[in-house]
Amino acid sequence: MRCRQRFSSTVGCITVLLVVMVAVVSGQAVVPSPLFIATPLTQVGVFTSGIEGPACDVDGNVYAVNYERQGTIGRIRPDGSGEIYVELPQGSVGNGIRFGSQREMYVADYVGHNVFEVQLRSRAITIYSHDDNMNQPNDLAMAPSGVLYASDPNWAEGSGQIWRIGLDGNATRLFGDMGTTNGIEVSPDGRTLYVGESDERVIWAFDIGVDGTVFGKRVFMRFADHGLDGLRSDVDGNLYVTRYGAGTVLKVSPSGRILQEVNVLGARPSNICLGGMDGRTAYVTEVEHRRLVQFRVDRPGLAWQRLRPE
């Protein structure tokens, strides 16, 4: 675009593409936040170094594990204030969190080989799934049917597994010979499972059969450096990938093309969710500063959209 010179020659002609969307609320002009620019949501140090597993409800809150101390789940409001929402049973430590269709919460307990179910209103905690053959269930993904998939790394041995958890809570091991399985997500159409291996720096894609089993393992993305952690999808099937050690989050198209790279103000982003009041705020758990950071995105999150009333 060529810019006409309307100012003095000392200023020169500055080519600017500026899109400003102004909403008038109660007589005051409100300029929306720029997209893909991270800002802190919480103060430094309100979480432990185990900060992980963010999940968003439809009321604008975000939940993450190990708020103030290990073994808790914190609820953070849109203004950044927070509280301990629940304490997990003695000895349990949470990691990945997902919400079900009835707004129940599922939490991976990597110490006790459990997946907990938490009722949001009563805050009652029950064991939804347990298997002693799990290493340490790490992150969760949910298919449109409500079936859960769990990553399950063994960090000491550099190996990992993938589990399918049915609607009855029964766990079935799908793969037991993988690398350090970590981030996990299901595509919007429920036909593709993505699984990241952190130490191996690769994201795999699998086809999902009608019975929930997976097949057709293939490389989706490889990275030359740094690790990777949590994965989350938007409604269009773009993946948000936390790059642990690189201090960034990538937005990646379903074809594997990098669309955006966001600096998240700390070197160790561990996971991400997409939510807020309109589904278009990304929340990142950042280990270096033990806080949540946020940035605006262009499309709503898939998990958030599924929680919306029909």
C-alpha atoms as a PDB file:
ATOM      1  CA  MET A   1       0.000   0.000   0.000  1.00  0.00           C
ATOM      2  CA  ARG A   2       1.390   3.389  -0.986  1.00  0.00           C
ATOM      3  CA  CYS A   3       0.924   6.166   1.594  1.00  0.00           C
ATOM      4  CA  ARG A   4       0.270   9.745   0.538  1.00  0.00           C
ATOM      5  CA  GLN A   5       2.504  12.359   2.103  1.00  0.00           C
ATOM      6  CA  ARG A   6       0.356  14.575   4.297  1.00  0.00           C
ATOM      7  CA  PHE A   7       2.865  15.656   6.929  1.00  0.00           C
ATOM      8  CA  SER A   8       6.102  17.587   6.778  1.00  0.00           C
ATOM      9  CA  SER A   9       9.072  16.076   5.079  1.00  0.00           C
ATOM     10  CA  THR A  10      10.812  15.681   8.425  1.00  0.00           C
ATOM     11  CA  VAL A  11       8.181  13.176   9.439  1.00  0.00           C
ATOM     12  CA  GLY A  12       8.176  11.492   6.076  1.00  0.00           C
ATOM     13  CA  CYS A  13       5.677   9.052   4.712  1.00  0.00           C
ATOM     14  CA  ILE A  14       4.985   6.219   7.108  1.00  0.00           C
ATOM     15  CA  THR A  15       3.200   3.232   5.692  1.00  0.00           C
ATOM     16  CA  VAL A  16       0.786   1.975   8.296  1.00  0.00           C
ATOM     17  CA  LEU A  17      -1.919  -0.599   8.104  1.00  0.00           C
ATOM     18  CA  LEU A  18      -4.001   0.145  11.169  1.00  0.00           C
ATOM     19  CA  VAL A  19      -7.238  -1.615  11.904  1.00  0.00           C
ATOM     20  CA  VAL A  20      -9.009  -0.104  14.877  1.00  0.00           C
ATOM     21  CA  MET A  21     -12.272  -1.534  16.043  1.00  0.00           C
ATOM     22  CA  VAL A  22     -13.908   0.831  18.487  1.00  0.00           C
ATOM     23  CA  ALA A  23     -16.880  -0.154  20.583  1.00  0.00           C
ATOM     24  CA  VAL A  24     -18.817   2.483  22.463  1.00  0.00           C
ATOM     25  CA  VAL A  25     -19.817   1.286  25.901  1.00  0.00           C
ATOM     26  CA  SER A  26     -21.613   3.672  28.229  1.00  0.00           C
ATOM     27  CA  GLY A  27     -20.389   6.592  26.196  1.00  0.00           C
ATOM     28  CA  GLN A  28     -16.719   5.583  26.451  1.00  0.00           C
ATOM     29  CA  ALA A  29     -14.612   4.352  23.551  1.00  0.00           C
ATOM     30  CA  VAL A  30     -13.005   0.941  24.166  1.00  0.00           C
ATOM     31  CA  VAL A  31     -10.142  -0.171  21.937  1.00  0.00           C
ATOM     32  CA  PRO A  32      -9.731  -3.978  21.884  1.00  0.00           C
ATOM     33  CA  SER A  33      -6.420  -5.463  22.970  1.00  0.00           C
ATOM     34  CA  PRO A  34      -4.012  -6.302  20.157  1.00  0.00           C
ATOM     35  CA  LEU A  35      -3.853  -9.933  19.098  1.00  0.00           C
ATOM     36  CA  PHE A  36      -1.004 -12.292  20.023  1.00  0.00           C
ATOM     37  CA  ILE A  37       0.685  -9.925  22.504  1.00  0.00           C
ATOM     38  CA  ALA A  38       1.169 -11.476  25.948  1.00  0.00           C
ATOM     39  CA  THR A  39       0.613  -9.695  29.247  1.00  0.00           C
ATOM     40  CA  PRO A  40       0.693 -11.042  32.821  1.00  0.00           C
ATOM     41  CA  LEU A  41      -2.639 -12.097  34.318  1.00  0.00           C
ATOM     42  CA  THR A  42      -1.520 -13.042  37.831  1.00  0.00           C
ATOM     43  CA  GLN A  43       1.290 -11.836  40.019  1.00  0.00           C
ATOM     44  CA  VAL A  44       4.647 -13.603  40.044  1.00  0.00           C
ATOM     45  CA  GLY A  45       4.878 -16.580  42.380  1.00  0.00           C
ATOM     46  CA  VAL A  46       1.197 -17.205  43.177  1.00  0.00           C
ATOM     47  CA  PHE A  47       1.588 -20.762  41.855  1.00  0.00           C
ATOM     48  CA  THR A  48       4.268 -23.334  42.647  1.00  0.00           C
ATOM     49  CA  SER A  49       6.753 -24.497  40.024  1.00  0.00           C
ATOM     50  CA  GLY A  50       4.203 -27.232  39.283  1.00  0.00           C
ATOM     51  CA  ILE A  51       1.846 -24.755  37.598  1.00  0.00           C
ATOM     52  CA  GLU A  52       0.090 -26.649  34.814  1.00  0.00           C
ATOM     53  CA  GLY A  53      -3.131 -27.826  33.252  1.00  0.00           C
ATOM     54  CA  PRO A  54      -5.138 -24.651  32.562  1.00  0.00           C
ATOM     55  CA  ALA A  55      -8.789 -25.041  31.620  1.00  0.00           C
ATOM     56  CA  CYS A  56     -11.407 -22.348  31.015  1.00  0.00           C
ATOM     57  CA  ASP A  57     -15.064 -22.267  31.995  1.00  0.00           C
ATOM     58  CA  VAL A  58     -17.738 -20.279  30.165  1.00  0.00           C
ATOM     59  CA  ASP A  59     -17.872 -17.588  32.850  1.00  0.00           C
ATOM     60  CA  GLY A  60     -14.431 -16.200  32.072  1.00  0.00           C
ATOM     61  CA  ASN A  61     -12.519 -18.045  34.814  1.00  0.00           C
ATOM     62  CA  VAL A  62      -9.417 -20.151  34.307  1.00  0.00           C
ATOM     63  CA  TYR A  63      -8.391 -23.079  36.501  1.00  0.00           C
ATOM     64  CA  ALA A  64      -4.823 -24.310  36.973  1.00  0.00           C
ATOM     65  CA  VAL A  65      -3.120 -26.713  39.350  1.00  0.00           C
ATOM     66  CA  ASN A  66      -0.836 -25.987  42.297  1.00  0.00           C
ATOM     67  CA  TYR A  67      -2.089 -22.555  43.263  1.00  0.00           C
ATOM     68  CA  GLU A  68      -0.242 -21.346  46.399  1.00  0.00           C
ATOM     69  CA  ARG A  69       0.845 -24.921  47.193  1.00  0.00           C
ATOM     70  CA  GLN A  70       1.094 -28.384  45.657  1.00  0.00           C
ATOM     71  CA  GLY A  71      -2.066 -30.476  45.471  1.00  0.00           C
ATOM     72  CA  THR A  72      -4.505 -27.637  44.866  1.00  0.00           C
ATOM     73  CA  ILE A  73      -6.488 -26.301  41.944  1.00  0.00           C
ATOM     74  CA  GLY A  74      -6.780 -22.533  41.729  1.00  0.00           C
ATOM     75  CA  ARG A  75      -9.571 -20.538  40.141  1.00  0.00           C
ATOM     76  CA  ILE A  76      -8.411 -17.272  38.587  1.00  0.00           C
ATOM     77  CA  ARG A  77     -10.903 -14.565  37.692  1.00  0.00           C
ATOM     78  CA  PRO A  78     -10.630 -12.339  34.609  1.00  0.00           C
ATOM     79  CA  ASP A  79      -9.099  -9.555  36.727  1.00  0.00           C
ATOM     80  CA  GLY A  80      -6.257 -11.855  37.840  1.00  0.00           C
ATOM     81  CA  SER A  81      -7.463 -12.390  41.407  1.00  0.00           C
ATOM     82  CA  GLY A  82      -7.675 -15.976  42.554  1.00  0.00           C
ATOM     83  CA  GLU A  83      -8.505 -18.508  45.216  1.00  0.00           C
ATOM     84  CA  ILE A  84      -7.954 -22.151  46.017  1.00  0.00           C
ATOM     85  CA  TYR A  85     -10.908 -23.845  44.355  1.00  0.00           C
ATOM     86  CA  VAL A  86     -10.320 -27.401  45.620  1.00  0.00           C
ATOM     87  CA  GLU A  87      -7.639 -29.402  47.372  1.00  0.00           C
ATOM     88  CA  LEU A  88      -7.029 -32.830  45.919  1.00  0.00           C
ATOM     89  CA  PRO A  89      -6.945 -35.910  48.176  1.00  0.00           C
ATOM     90  CA  GLN A  90      -3.855 -36.271  50.343  1.00  0.00           C
ATOM     91  CA  GLY A  91      -0.777 -37.162  48.291  1.00  0.00           C
ATOM     92  CA  SER A  92      -2.326 -36.390  44.906  1.00  0.00           C
ATOM     93  CA  VAL A  93      -0.946 -33.713  42.579  1.00  0.00           C
ATOM     94  CA  GLY A  94      -2.850 -32.565  39.533  1.00  0.00           C
ATOM     95  CA  ASN A  95      -1.636 -31.832  36.037  1.00  0.00           C
ATOM     96  CA  GLY A  96      -3.950 -31.629  33.013  1.00  0.00           C
ATOM     97  CA  ILE A  97      -7.552 -30.411  33.429  1.00  0.00           C
ATOM     98  CA  ARG A  98     -10.510 -30.759  31.071  1.00  0.00           C
ATOM     99  CA  PHE A  99     -14.193 -29.881  31.353  1.00  0.00           C
ATOM    100  CA  GLY A 100     -16.915 -32.294  30.265  1.00  0.00           C
ATOM    101  CA  SER A 101     -20.202 -31.505  28.562  1.00  0.00           C
ATOM    102  CA  GLN A 102     -21.991 -31.119  31.908  1.00  0.00           C
ATOM    103  CA  ARG A 103     -19.231 -28.768  33.093  1.00  0.00           C
ATOM    104  CA  GLU A 104     -17.738 -31.437  35.298  1.00  0.00           C
ATOM    105  CA  MET A 105     -13.976 -31.184  35.685  1.00  0.00           C
ATOM    106  CA  TYR A 106     -11.513 -33.995  34.969  1.00  0.00           C
ATOM    107  CA  VAL A 107      -8.046 -33.795  36.518  1.00  0.00           C
ATOM    108  CA  ALA A 108      -5.022 -35.995  35.825  1.00  0.00           C
ATOM    109  CA  ASP A 109      -3.345 -37.006  39.107  1.00  0.00           C
ATOM    110  CA  TYR A 110       0.183 -37.972  38.149  1.00  0.00           C
ATOM    111  CA  VAL A 111       1.110 -39.247  41.607  1.00  0.00           C
ATOM    112  CA  GLY A 112      -1.827 -41.550  42.275  1.00  0.00           C
ATOM    113  CA  HIS A 113      -2.351 -42.930  38.725  1.00  0.00           C
ATOM    114  CA  ASN A 114      -5.840 -41.397  38.757  1.00  0.00           C
ATOM    115  CA  VAL A 115      -8.121 -39.210  36.749  1.00  0.00           C
ATOM    116  CA  PHE A 116     -10.412 -37.369  39.155  1.00  0.00           C
ATOM    117  CA  GLU A 117     -13.870 -36.003  38.461  1.00  0.00           C
ATOM    118  CA  VAL A 118     -14.800 -32.777  40.262  1.00  0.00           C
ATOM    119  CA  GLN A 119     -18.373 -31.472  40.415  1.00  0.00           C
ATOM    120  CA  LEU A 120     -18.183 -27.708  40.021  1.00  0.00           C
ATOM    121  CA  ARG A 121     -21.066 -26.764  42.303  1.00  0.00           C
ATOM    122  CA  SER A 122     -20.463 -29.152  45.203  1.00  0.00           C
ATOM    123  CA  ARG A 123     -16.707 -29.420  44.557  1.00  0.00           C
ATOM    124  CA  ALA A 124     -17.000 -33.124  45.382  1.00  0.00           C
ATOM    125  CA  ILE A 125     -14.033 -35.166  44.133  1.00  0.00           C
ATOM    126  CA  THR A 126     -14.304 -38.809  43.026  1.00  0.00           C
ATOM    127  CA  ILE A 127     -11.970 -41.152  41.173  1.00  0.00           C
ATOM    128  CA  TYR A 128     -13.200 -41.349  37.595  1.00  0.00           C
ATOM    129  CA  SER A 129     -10.461 -43.677  36.347  1.00  0.00           C
ATOM    130  CA  HIS A 130      -7.510 -45.507  37.885  1.00  0.00           C
ATOM    131  CA  ASP A 131      -4.965 -47.950  36.504  1.00  0.00           C
ATOM    132  CA  ASP A 132      -1.809 -49.094  38.273  1.00  0.00           C
ATOM    133  CA  ASN A 133      -0.147 -49.593  34.886  1.00  0.00           C
ATOM    134  CA  MET A 134      -0.103 -45.843  34.289  1.00  0.00           C
ATOM    135  CA  ASN A 135       3.251 -44.139  34.768  1.00  0.00           C
ATOM    136  CA  GLN A 136       1.907 -40.718  35.729  1.00  0.00           C
ATOM    137  CA  PRO A 137      -1.080 -39.450  33.738  1.00  0.00           C
ATOM    138  CA  ASN A 138      -0.060 -36.063  32.493  1.00  0.00           C
ATOM    139  CA  ASP A 139      -2.447 -34.257  30.179  1.00  0.00           C
ATOM    140  CA  LEU A 140      -5.969 -34.941  28.935  1.00  0.00           C
ATOM    141  CA  ALA A 141      -7.876 -34.444  25.697  1.00  0.00           C
ATOM    142  CA  MET A 142     -11.577 -34.947  25.090  1.00  0.00           C
ATOM    143  CA  ALA A 143     -13.300 -36.269  21.975  1.00  0.00           C
ATOM    144  CA  PRO A 144     -16.730 -34.923  20.927  1.00  0.00           C
ATOM    145  CA  SER A 145     -18.236 -38.121  22.393  1.00  0.00           C
ATOM    146  CA  GLY A 146     -16.836 -37.345  25.843  1.00  0.00           C
ATOM    147  CA  VAL A 147     -14.164 -40.031  25.644  1.00  0.00           C
ATOM    148  CA  LEU A 148     -10.905 -38.913  27.248  1.00  0.00           C
ATOM    149  CA  TYR A 149      -7.379 -39.493  25.988  1.00  0.00           C
ATOM    150  CA  ALA A 150      -4.460 -39.262  28.402  1.00  0.00           C
ATOM    151  CA  SER A 151      -0.739 -38.856  27.826  1.00  0.00           C
ATOM    152  CA  ASP A 152       1.411 -40.816  30.244  1.00  0.00           C
ATOM    153  CA  PRO A 153       5.190 -40.214  30.232  1.00  0.00           C
ATOM    154  CA  ASN A 154       7.915 -41.987  32.146  1.00  0.00           C
ATOM    155  CA  TRP A 155      10.484 -39.212  32.387  1.00  0.00           C
ATOM    156  CA  ALA A 156      13.176 -41.340  34.035  1.00  0.00           C
ATOM    157  CA  GLU A 157      13.144 -43.900  31.224  1.00  0.00           C
ATOM    158  CA  GLY A 158      12.383 -41.501  28.374  1.00  0.00           C
ATOM    159  CA  SER A 159       9.289 -43.440  27.357  1.00  0.00           C
ATOM    160  CA  GLY A 160       5.557 -42.951  27.360  1.00  0.00           C
ATOM    161  CA  GLN A 161       2.065 -44.268  26.748  1.00  0.00           C
ATOM    162  CA  ILE A 162      -1.343 -43.141  25.480  1.00  0.00           C
ATOM    163  CA  TRP A 163      -4.591 -44.154  27.155  1.00  0.00           C
ATOM    164  CA  ARG A 164      -8.226 -44.072  26.109  1.00  0.00           C
ATOM    165  CA  ILE A 165     -10.663 -43.550  28.998  1.00  0.00           C
ATOM    166  CA  GLY A 166     -14.218 -44.530  28.113  1.00  0.00           C
ATOM    167  CA  LEU A 167     -17.445 -42.989  29.335  1.00  0.00           C
ATOM    168  CA  ASP A 168     -17.543 -45.664  32.055  1.00  0.00           C
ATOM    169  CA  GLY A 169     -14.105 -44.620  33.325  1.00  0.00           C
ATOM    170  CA  ASN A 170     -12.366 -47.765  32.128  1.00  0.00           C
ATOM    171  CA  ALA A 171      -8.844 -47.116  30.810  1.00  0.00           C
ATOM    172  CA  THR A 172      -7.403 -48.875  27.767  1.00  0.00           C
ATOM    173  CA  ARG A 173      -3.753 -48.505  26.799  1.00  0.00           C
ATOM    174  CA  LEU A 174      -3.537 -47.620  23.111  1.00  0.00           C
ATOM    175  CA  PHE A 175       0.238 -47.273  22.726  1.00  0.00           C
ATOM    176  CA  GLY A 176       2.925 -48.315  25.189  1.00  0.00           C
ATOM    177  CA  ASP A 177       6.098 -47.820  23.187  1.00  0.00           C
ATOM    178  CA  MET A 178       6.301 -44.081  22.658  1.00  0.00           C
ATOM    179  CA  GLY A 179       8.655 -41.341  23.797  1.00  0.00           C
ATOM    180  CA  THR A 180       7.852 -38.851  26.560  1.00  0.00           C
ATOM    181  CA  THR A 181       4.190 -38.258  25.717  1.00  0.00           C
ATOM    182  CA  ASN A 182       2.947 -34.917  26.994  1.00  0.00           C
ATOM    183  CA  GLY A 183       0.605 -32.484  25.227  1.00  0.00           C
ATOM    184  CA  ILE A 184      -2.469 -34.116  23.695  1.00  0.00           C
ATOM    185  CA  GLU A 185      -5.478 -32.864  21.731  1.00  0.00           C
ATOM    186  CA  VAL A 186      -8.355 -34.047  19.517  1.00  0.00           C
ATOM    187  CA  SER A 187      -9.293 -32.208  16.321  1.00  0.00           C
ATOM    188  CA  PRO A 188     -12.693 -30.472  16.062  1.00  0.00           C
ATOM    189  CA  ASP A 189     -14.164 -33.250  13.904  1.00  0.00           C
ATOM    190  CA  GLY A 190     -12.986 -35.907  16.371  1.00  0.00           C
ATOM    191  CA  ARG A 191     -11.054 -37.775  13.707  1.00  0.00           C
ATOM    192  CA  THR A 192      -7.439 -36.879  14.583  1.00  0.00           C
ATOM    193  CA  LEU A 193      -5.483 -37.245  17.826  1.00  0.00           C
ATOM    194  CA  TYR A 194      -2.342 -35.142  18.292  1.00  0.00           C
ATOM    195  CA  VAL A 195       0.298 -36.237  20.795  1.00  0.00           C
ATOM    196  CA  GLY A 196       3.505 -34.364  21.577  1.00  0.00           C
ATOM    197  CA  GLU A 197       6.680 -36.073  22.771  1.00  0.00           C
ATOM    198  CA  SER A 198       8.633 -33.489  24.751  1.00  0.00           C
ATOM    199  CA  ASP A 199      12.157 -34.883  24.795  1.00  0.00           C
ATOM    200  CA  GLU A 200      11.894 -36.142  21.224  1.00  0.00           C
ATOM    201  CA  ARG A 201      10.605 -32.740  19.999  1.00  0.00           C
ATOM    202  CA  VAL A 202       7.938 -34.231  17.766  1.00  0.00           C
ATOM    203  CA  ILE A 203       4.148 -34.033  17.480  1.00  0.00           C
ATOM    204  CA  TRP A 204       2.447 -37.152  16.152  1.00  0.00           C
ATOM    205  CA  ALA A 205      -0.952 -37.359  14.472  1.00  0.00           C
ATOM    206  CA  PHE A 206      -3.182 -40.446  14.643  1.00  0.00           C
ATOM    207  CA  ASP A 207      -6.463 -41.314  13.006  1.00  0.00           C
ATOM    208  CA  ILE A 208      -9.271 -42.041  15.480  1.00  0.00           C
ATOM    209  CA  GLY A 209     -11.544 -44.961  14.648  1.00  0.00           C
ATOM    210  CA  VAL A 210     -15.276 -45.157  15.342  1.00  0.00           C
ATOM    211  CA  ASP A 211     -14.499 -47.269  18.421  1.00  0.00           C
ATOM    212  CA  GLY A 212     -12.076 -44.672  19.796  1.00  0.00           C
ATOM    213  CA  THR A 213      -8.931 -46.607  18.978  1.00  0.00           C
ATOM    214  CA  VAL A 214      -6.131 -44.840  17.108  1.00  0.00           C
ATOM    215  CA  PHE A 215      -4.060 -45.851  14.091  1.00  0.00           C
ATOM    216  CA  GLY A 216      -2.106 -44.364  11.199  1.00  0.00           C
ATOM    217  CA  LYS A 217       0.673 -42.836  13.314  1.00  0.00           C
ATOM    218  CA  ARG A 218       2.517 -40.140  11.394  1.00  0.00           C
ATOM    219  CA  VAL A 219       4.708 -37.105  12.049  1.00  0.00           C
ATOM    220  CA  PHE A 220       2.785 -33.825  12.241  1.00  0.00           C
ATOM    221  CA  MET A 221       5.704 -31.553  13.245  1.00  0.00           C
ATOM    222  CA  ARG A 222       9.331 -31.846  14.311  1.00  0.00           C
ATOM    223  CA  PHE A 223      11.428 -29.240  16.096  1.00  0.00           C
ATOM    224  CA  ALA A 224      15.176 -28.756  15.965  1.00  0.00           C
ATOM    225  CA  ASP A 225      15.517 -27.309  19.446  1.00  0.00           C
ATOM    226  CA  HIS A 226      13.799 -26.783  22.789  1.00  0.00           C
ATOM    227  CA  GLY A 227      10.970 -28.885  24.122  1.00  0.00           C
ATOM    228  CA  LEU A 228       7.238 -28.812  23.706  1.00  0.00           C
ATOM    229  CA  ASP A 229       4.481 -29.228  26.248  1.00  0.00           C
ATOM    230  CA  GLY A 230       0.736 -28.508  26.156  1.00  0.00           C
ATOM    231  CA  LEU A 231      -1.424 -28.528  23.008  1.00  0.00           C
ATOM    232  CA  ARG A 232      -4.848 -26.944  22.503  1.00  0.00           C
ATOM    233  CA  SER A 233      -7.060 -26.453  19.445  1.00  0.00           C
ATOM    234  CA  ASP A 234      -9.243 -23.582  18.335  1.00  0.00           C
ATOM    235  CA  VAL A 235     -12.573 -24.073  16.562  1.00  0.00           C
ATOM    236  CA  ASP A 236     -10.840 -24.144  13.165  1.00  0.00           C
ATOM    237  CA  GLY A 237      -8.460 -26.936  14.133  1.00  0.00           C
ATOM    238  CA  ASN A 238      -5.386 -24.744  14.541  1.00  0.00           C
ATOM    239  CA  LEU A 239      -3.109 -26.049  17.293  1.00  0.00           C
ATOM    240  CA  TYR A 240      -1.542 -23.866  19.963  1.00  0.00           C
ATOM    241  CA  VAL A 241       1.768 -25.429  21.034  1.00  0.00           C
ATOM    242  CA  THR A 242       3.714 -24.366  24.132  1.00  0.00           C
ATOM    243  CA  ARG A 243       7.470 -24.404  23.449  1.00  0.00           C
ATOM    244  CA  TYR A 244       9.048 -25.201  26.815  1.00  0.00           C
ATOM    245  CA  GLY A 245      12.513 -23.652  26.953  1.00  0.00           C
ATOM    246  CA  ALA A 246      11.880 -21.368  23.985  1.00  0.00           C
ATOM    247  CA  GLY A 247       9.458 -19.145  25.875  1.00  0.00           C
ATOM    248  CA  THR A 248       6.924 -19.038  23.070  1.00  0.00           C
ATOM    249  CA  VAL A 249       3.565 -20.391  21.953  1.00  0.00           C
ATOM    250  CA  LEU A 250       3.052 -21.366  18.330  1.00  0.00           C
ATOM    251  CA  LYS A 251      -0.212 -21.257  16.438  1.00  0.00           C
ATOM    252  CA  VAL A 252      -0.027 -24.031  13.851  1.00  0.00           C
ATOM    253  CA  SER A 253      -2.493 -24.745  11.028  1.00  0.00           C
ATOM    254  CA  PRO A 254      -3.970 -28.238  10.520  1.00  0.00           C
ATOM    255  CA  SER A 255      -1.482 -28.664   7.671  1.00  0.00           C
ATOM    256  CA  GLY A 256       1.468 -27.983   9.991  1.00  0.00           C
ATOM    257  CA  ARG A 257       2.220 -24.403   8.933  1.00  0.00           C
ATOM    258  CA  ILE A 258       3.291 -21.976  11.660  1.00  0.00           C
ATOM    259  CA  LEU A 259       0.871 -19.041  11.632  1.00  0.00           C
ATOM    260  CA  GLN A 260       1.964 -17.136  14.749  1.00  0.00           C
ATOM    261  CA  GLU A 261       4.705 -17.230  17.389  1.00  0.00           C
ATOM    262  CA  VAL A 262       3.971 -15.462  20.674  1.00  0.00           C
ATOM    263  CA  ASN A 263       6.533 -14.476  23.300  1.00  0.00           C
ATOM    264  CA  VAL A 264       4.930 -15.430  26.631  1.00  0.00           C
ATOM    265  CA  LEU A 265       7.251 -13.446  28.952  1.00  0.00           C
ATOM    266  CA  GLY A 266       8.981 -16.467  30.452  1.00  0.00           C
ATOM    267  CA  ALA A 267      11.162 -19.291  29.194  1.00  0.00           C
ATOM    268  CA  ARG A 268       9.071 -22.244  30.350  1.00  0.00           C
ATOM    269  CA  PRO A 269       5.430 -22.240  29.225  1.00  0.00           C
ATOM    270  CA  SER A 270       3.937 -25.562  30.307  1.00  0.00           C
ATOM    271  CA  ASN A 271       0.385 -25.509  28.970  1.00  0.00           C
ATOM    272  CA  ILE A 272      -2.388 -23.395  27.486  1.00  0.00           C
ATOM    273  CA  CYS A 273      -6.157 -23.044  27.226  1.00  0.00           C
ATOM    274  CA  LEU A 274      -8.405 -20.764  25.192  1.00  0.00           C
ATOM    275  CA  GLY A 275     -11.360 -19.117  26.887  1.00  0.00           C
ATOM    276  CA  GLY A 276     -12.448 -15.896  28.532  1.00  0.00           C
ATOM    277  CA  MET A 277     -15.867 -14.346  28.013  1.00  0.00           C
ATOM    278  CA  ASP A 278     -15.741 -14.758  24.230  1.00  0.00           C
ATOM    279  CA  GLY A 279     -13.414 -17.761  23.953  1.00  0.00           C
ATOM    280  CA  ARG A 280     -10.671 -15.658  22.396  1.00  0.00           C
ATOM    281  CA  THR A 281      -8.225 -15.232  25.259  1.00  0.00           C
ATOM    282  CA  ALA A 282      -5.321 -17.653  25.586  1.00  0.00           C
ATOM    283  CA  TYR A 283      -4.084 -18.411  29.094  1.00  0.00           C
ATOM    284  CA  VAL A 284      -0.598 -19.862  29.509  1.00  0.00           C
ATOM    285  CA  THR A 285       0.864 -21.480  32.618  1.00  0.00           C
ATOM    286  CA  GLU A 286       4.432 -20.175  32.834  1.00  0.00           C
ATOM    287  CA  VAL A 287       6.848 -22.017  35.138  1.00  0.00           C
ATOM    288  CA  GLU A 288       9.759 -19.573  35.288  1.00  0.00           C
ATOM    289  CA  HIS A 289       7.711 -16.877  37.027  1.00  0.00           C
ATOM    290  CA  ARG A 290       5.042 -19.233  38.422  1.00  0.00           C
ATOM    291  CA  ARG A 291       2.186 -17.212  36.991  1.00  0.00           C
ATOM    292  CA  LEU A 292      -0.467 -17.111  34.291  1.00  0.00           C
ATOM    293  CA  VAL A 293      -0.021 -14.915  31.244  1.00  0.00           C
ATOM    294  CA  GLN A 294      -2.665 -14.111  28.661  1.00  0.00           C
ATOM    295  CA  PHE A 295      -2.988 -12.945  25.080  1.00  0.00           C
ATOM    296  CA  ARG A 296      -5.862 -12.353  22.708  1.00  0.00           C
ATOM    297  CA  VAL A 297      -6.413 -14.616  19.695  1.00  0.00           C
ATOM    298  CA  ASP A 298      -8.497 -14.357  16.545  1.00  0.00           C
ATOM    299  CA  ARG A 299     -10.706 -17.450  16.900  1.00  0.00           C
ATOM    300  CA  PRO A 300     -12.435 -19.100  19.903  1.00  0.00           C
ATOM    301  CA  GLY A 301     -11.078 -22.170  21.621  1.00  0.00           C
ATOM    302  CA  LEU A 302     -12.569 -25.555  20.761  1.00  0.00           C
ATOM    303  CA  ALA A 303     -13.050 -26.718  24.358  1.00  0.00           C
ATOM    304  CA  TRP A 304     -14.662 -23.382  25.301  1.00  0.00           C
ATOM    305  CA  GLN A 305     -17.048 -23.572  22.345  1.00  0.00           C
ATOM    306  CA  ARG A 306     -18.189 -27.064  23.336  1.00  0.00           C
ATOM    307  CA  LEU A 307     -19.205 -25.781  26.773  1.00  0.00           C
ATOM    308  CA  ARG A 308     -21.482 -23.112  25.349  1.00  0.00           C
ATOM    309  CA  PRO A 309     -25.259 -23.721  25.561  1.00  0.00           C
ATOM    310  CA  GLU A 310     -26.810 -24.892  22.299  1.00  0.00           C
END
